[in-house]
Amino acid sequence: MPQGAEWLVILAIVVLVFGAAKLPDLARGTGQALRIFKAETKGLRDDEDDKKKPTTSTGELPAADDIAEGEIVDERRENNA
């Protein structure tokens, strides 16, 4: 990991390469990219969690006695009957 003086050298090189006028735009773009990346990874984790949890049509977890192994329920057939 760079120490204090090394960070100053890195910062000086960045200023020379990009110029002082471009640094705010560069920082803004980096911040937006990180926010988007964070939101997308959170969305992927939420999708994985949703696939692991059984839910009812209202989105609530069913009670333990409401779950029957091998039971297949088709709501469309129940509503048409």
N, C-alpha and C. Protein backbone atom coordinates (compact mmCIF):
# COMPACT_ATOMS: atom_id res chain seq x y z
N MET A 1 0.85 -1.17 0.00
CA MET A 1 0.00 0.00 0.00
C MET A 1 0.90 1.24 0.00
N PRO A 2 0.56 2.22 -0.83
CA PRO A 2 1.36 3.45 -0.85
C PRO A 2 1.24 4.21 0.47
N GLN A 3 2.34 4.82 0.87
CA GLN A 3 2.39 5.64 2.08
C GLN A 3 2.12 7.10 1.70
N GLY A 4 2.29 8.04 2.62
CA GLY A 4 1.95 9.45 2.42
C GLY A 4 2.68 10.10 1.24
N ALA A 5 3.99 10.00 1.18
CA ALA A 5 4.77 10.64 0.11
C ALA A 5 4.47 10.00 -1.24
N GLU A 6 4.23 8.70 -1.25
CA GLU A 6 3.92 8.00 -2.50
C GLU A 6 2.58 8.47 -3.07
N TRP A 7 1.61 8.75 -2.19
CA TRP A 7 0.32 9.27 -2.65
C TRP A 7 0.49 10.64 -3.32
N LEU A 8 1.36 11.45 -2.77
CA LEU A 8 1.60 12.77 -3.37
C LEU A 8 2.21 12.64 -4.76
N VAL A 9 3.12 11.70 -4.94
CA VAL A 9 3.72 11.47 -6.27
C VAL A 9 2.66 10.96 -7.24
N ILE A 10 1.83 10.04 -6.79
CA ILE A 10 0.75 9.51 -7.65
C ILE A 10 -0.21 10.63 -8.03
N LEU A 11 -0.58 11.48 -7.08
CA LEU A 11 -1.48 12.59 -7.34
C LEU A 11 -0.87 13.57 -8.34
N ALA A 12 0.43 13.86 -8.18
CA ALA A 12 1.10 14.77 -9.12
C ALA A 12 1.11 14.19 -10.53
N ILE A 13 1.32 12.90 -10.67
CA ILE A 13 1.31 12.27 -12.00
C ILE A 13 -0.09 12.33 -12.61
N VAL A 14 -1.12 12.09 -11.80
CA VAL A 14 -2.51 12.16 -12.30
C VAL A 14 -2.83 13.56 -12.77
N VAL A 15 -2.42 14.58 -12.03
CA VAL A 15 -2.67 15.97 -12.42
C VAL A 15 -1.94 16.28 -13.72
N LEU A 16 -0.72 15.80 -13.87
CA LEU A 16 0.02 16.05 -15.11
C LEU A 16 -0.61 15.34 -16.31
N VAL A 17 -1.08 14.14 -16.11
CA VAL A 17 -1.65 13.37 -17.22
C VAL A 17 -3.01 13.92 -17.63
N PHE A 18 -3.89 14.15 -16.67
CA PHE A 18 -5.25 14.55 -16.99
C PHE A 18 -5.46 16.05 -16.99
N GLY A 19 -4.65 16.79 -16.30
CA GLY A 19 -4.84 18.24 -16.20
C GLY A 19 -5.80 18.56 -15.07
N ALA A 20 -5.60 19.70 -14.45
CA ALA A 20 -6.41 20.09 -13.29
C ALA A 20 -7.88 20.31 -13.66
N ALA A 21 -8.15 20.75 -14.87
CA ALA A 21 -9.54 21.03 -15.27
C ALA A 21 -10.35 19.75 -15.44
N LYS A 22 -9.72 18.64 -15.79
CA LYS A 22 -10.44 17.39 -16.04
C LYS A 22 -10.65 16.56 -14.77
N LEU A 23 -9.95 16.87 -13.70
CA LEU A 23 -10.05 16.06 -12.49
C LEU A 23 -11.45 16.01 -11.88
N PRO A 24 -12.20 17.11 -11.79
CA PRO A 24 -13.56 17.00 -11.24
C PRO A 24 -14.46 16.09 -12.10
N ASP A 25 -14.33 16.18 -13.42
CA ASP A 25 -15.12 15.30 -14.29
C ASP A 25 -14.72 13.85 -14.11
N LEU A 26 -13.43 13.61 -13.98
CA LEU A 26 -12.93 12.26 -13.77
C LEU A 26 -13.45 11.69 -12.45
N ALA A 27 -13.42 12.49 -11.39
CA ALA A 27 -13.91 12.04 -10.09
C ALA A 27 -15.41 11.80 -10.12
N ARG A 28 -16.15 12.68 -10.79
CA ARG A 28 -17.61 12.53 -10.89
C ARG A 28 -17.96 11.25 -11.65
N GLY A 29 -17.29 11.01 -12.75
CA GLY A 29 -17.54 9.79 -13.54
C GLY A 29 -17.20 8.53 -12.77
N THR A 30 -16.11 8.57 -12.02
CA THR A 30 -15.72 7.42 -11.21
C THR A 30 -16.76 7.16 -10.12
N GLY A 31 -17.24 8.22 -9.49
CA GLY A 31 -18.26 8.07 -8.46
C GLY A 31 -19.55 7.49 -9.00
N GLN A 32 -19.98 7.94 -10.17
CA GLN A 32 -21.19 7.40 -10.78
C GLN A 32 -21.01 5.93 -11.14
N ALA A 33 -19.86 5.59 -11.68
CA ALA A 33 -19.59 4.19 -12.04
C ALA A 33 -19.62 3.30 -10.81
N LEU A 34 -19.04 3.76 -9.71
CA LEU A 34 -19.04 2.96 -8.48
C LEU A 34 -20.45 2.82 -7.91
N ARG A 35 -21.26 3.88 -7.97
CA ARG A 35 -22.64 3.79 -7.49
C ARG A 35 -23.45 2.80 -8.32
N ILE A 36 -23.28 2.84 -9.64
CA ILE A 36 -23.99 1.90 -10.51
C ILE A 36 -23.55 0.48 -10.23
N PHE A 37 -22.24 0.28 -10.09
CA PHE A 37 -21.71 -1.05 -9.80
C PHE A 37 -22.27 -1.58 -8.48
N LYS A 38 -22.30 -0.74 -7.46
CA LYS A 38 -22.82 -1.13 -6.16
C LYS A 38 -24.30 -1.50 -6.24
N ALA A 39 -25.08 -0.70 -6.98
CA ALA A 39 -26.51 -0.98 -7.12
C ALA A 39 -26.75 -2.29 -7.86
N GLU A 40 -25.96 -2.55 -8.89
CA GLU A 40 -26.13 -3.78 -9.66
C GLU A 40 -25.75 -5.01 -8.84
N THR A 41 -24.67 -4.94 -8.08
CA THR A 41 -24.29 -6.09 -7.26
C THR A 41 -25.31 -6.32 -6.16
N LYS A 42 -25.89 -5.25 -5.61
CA LYS A 42 -26.94 -5.42 -4.61
C LYS A 42 -28.17 -6.07 -5.24
N GLY A 43 -28.49 -5.65 -6.46
CA GLY A 43 -29.62 -6.25 -7.17
C GLY A 43 -29.41 -7.73 -7.44
N LEU A 44 -28.19 -8.11 -7.80
CA LEU A 44 -27.90 -9.52 -8.02
C LEU A 44 -28.04 -10.32 -6.74
N ARG A 45 -27.55 -9.77 -5.62
CA ARG A 45 -27.68 -10.46 -4.34
C ARG A 45 -29.15 -10.61 -3.96
N ASP A 46 -29.95 -9.57 -4.19
CA ASP A 46 -31.38 -9.64 -3.87
C ASP A 46 -32.07 -10.68 -4.73
N ASP A 47 -31.70 -10.78 -6.01
CA ASP A 47 -32.28 -11.79 -6.89
C ASP A 47 -31.95 -13.19 -6.41
N GLU A 48 -30.71 -13.41 -5.97
CA GLU A 48 -30.32 -14.72 -5.47
C GLU A 48 -31.09 -15.05 -4.20
N ASP A 49 -31.27 -14.07 -3.32
CA ASP A 49 -32.02 -14.31 -2.09
C ASP A 49 -33.47 -14.64 -2.40
N ASP A 50 -34.07 -13.96 -3.39
CA ASP A 50 -35.46 -14.23 -3.76
C ASP A 50 -35.63 -15.63 -4.30
N LYS A 51 -34.65 -16.14 -5.02
CA LYS A 51 -34.73 -17.49 -5.57
C LYS A 51 -34.63 -18.55 -4.48
N LYS A 52 -33.93 -18.26 -3.39
CA LYS A 52 -33.74 -19.23 -2.32
C LYS A 52 -34.94 -19.33 -1.39
N LYS A 53 -35.71 -18.25 -1.23
CA LYS A 53 -36.82 -18.22 -0.28
C LYS A 53 -38.13 -18.57 -0.98
N PRO A 54 -38.89 -19.53 -0.45
CA PRO A 54 -40.22 -19.79 -1.01
C PRO A 54 -41.18 -18.67 -0.60
N THR A 55 -41.98 -18.20 -1.52
CA THR A 55 -42.92 -17.13 -1.21
C THR A 55 -44.31 -17.50 -1.69
N THR A 56 -45.30 -16.85 -1.13
CA THR A 56 -46.67 -16.99 -1.60
C THR A 56 -46.93 -15.91 -2.64
N SER A 57 -48.11 -15.88 -3.19
CA SER A 57 -48.43 -14.89 -4.22
C SER A 57 -48.43 -13.47 -3.66
N THR A 58 -48.57 -13.30 -2.34
CA THR A 58 -48.55 -11.97 -1.75
C THR A 58 -47.14 -11.53 -1.39
N GLY A 59 -46.16 -12.42 -1.58
CA GLY A 59 -44.78 -12.08 -1.28
C GLY A 59 -44.37 -12.41 0.13
N GLU A 60 -45.30 -12.96 0.94
CA GLU A 60 -44.98 -13.32 2.32
C GLU A 60 -44.51 -14.77 2.36
N LEU A 61 -43.69 -15.07 3.33
CA LEU A 61 -43.25 -16.45 3.50
C LEU A 61 -44.41 -17.27 4.03
N PRO A 62 -44.61 -18.47 3.50
CA PRO A 62 -45.71 -19.31 3.99
C PRO A 62 -45.37 -19.88 5.36
N ALA A 63 -46.40 -20.18 6.14
CA ALA A 63 -46.20 -20.82 7.43
C ALA A 63 -45.72 -22.25 7.19
N ALA A 64 -45.06 -22.82 8.17
CA ALA A 64 -44.48 -24.16 8.01
C ALA A 64 -45.55 -25.20 7.72
N ASP A 65 -46.74 -25.08 8.29
CA ASP A 65 -47.79 -26.08 8.06
C ASP A 65 -48.50 -25.88 6.71
N ASP A 66 -48.25 -24.75 6.01
CA ASP A 66 -48.85 -24.51 4.70
C ASP A 66 -48.05 -25.15 3.58
N ILE A 67 -46.84 -25.61 3.86
CA ILE A 67 -45.98 -26.17 2.83
C ILE A 67 -46.17 -27.68 2.81
N ALA A 68 -46.48 -28.23 1.66
CA ALA A 68 -46.61 -29.66 1.49
C ALA A 68 -45.65 -30.10 0.40
N GLU A 69 -44.89 -31.13 0.67
CA GLU A 69 -43.94 -31.60 -0.33
C GLU A 69 -44.69 -32.22 -1.50
N GLY A 70 -44.23 -31.89 -2.70
CA GLY A 70 -44.79 -32.47 -3.91
C GLY A 70 -46.11 -31.85 -4.34
N GLU A 71 -46.61 -30.89 -3.61
CA GLU A 71 -47.87 -30.26 -3.97
C GLU A 71 -47.63 -29.21 -5.05
N ILE A 72 -48.35 -29.30 -6.16
CA ILE A 72 -48.25 -28.33 -7.24
C ILE A 72 -49.59 -27.59 -7.30
N VAL A 73 -49.49 -26.28 -7.23
CA VAL A 73 -50.70 -25.46 -7.24
C VAL A 73 -50.64 -24.54 -8.44
N ASP A 74 -51.68 -24.58 -9.26
CA ASP A 74 -51.78 -23.69 -10.41
C ASP A 74 -52.93 -22.73 -10.13
N GLU A 75 -52.60 -21.49 -9.81
CA GLU A 75 -53.62 -20.52 -9.44
C GLU A 75 -54.63 -20.28 -10.56
N ARG A 76 -54.17 -20.36 -11.80
CA ARG A 76 -55.08 -20.12 -12.93
C ARG A 76 -56.20 -21.17 -12.96
N ARG A 77 -55.87 -22.41 -12.69
CA ARG A 77 -56.89 -23.47 -12.70
C ARG A 77 -57.87 -23.31 -11.53
N GLU A 78 -57.34 -22.88 -10.38
CA GLU A 78 -58.21 -22.69 -9.22
C GLU A 78 -59.19 -21.55 -9.45
N ASN A 79 -58.75 -20.48 -10.11
CA ASN A 79 -59.64 -19.34 -10.35
C ASN A 79 -60.69 -19.64 -11.41
N ASN A 80 -60.39 -20.51 -12.37
CA ASN A 80 -61.34 -20.83 -13.43
C ASN A 80 -62.36 -21.86 -12.99
N ALA A 81 -62.10 -22.61 -11.97
CA ALA A 81 -62.99 -23.70 -11.54
C ALA A 81 -64.18 -23.19 -10.79
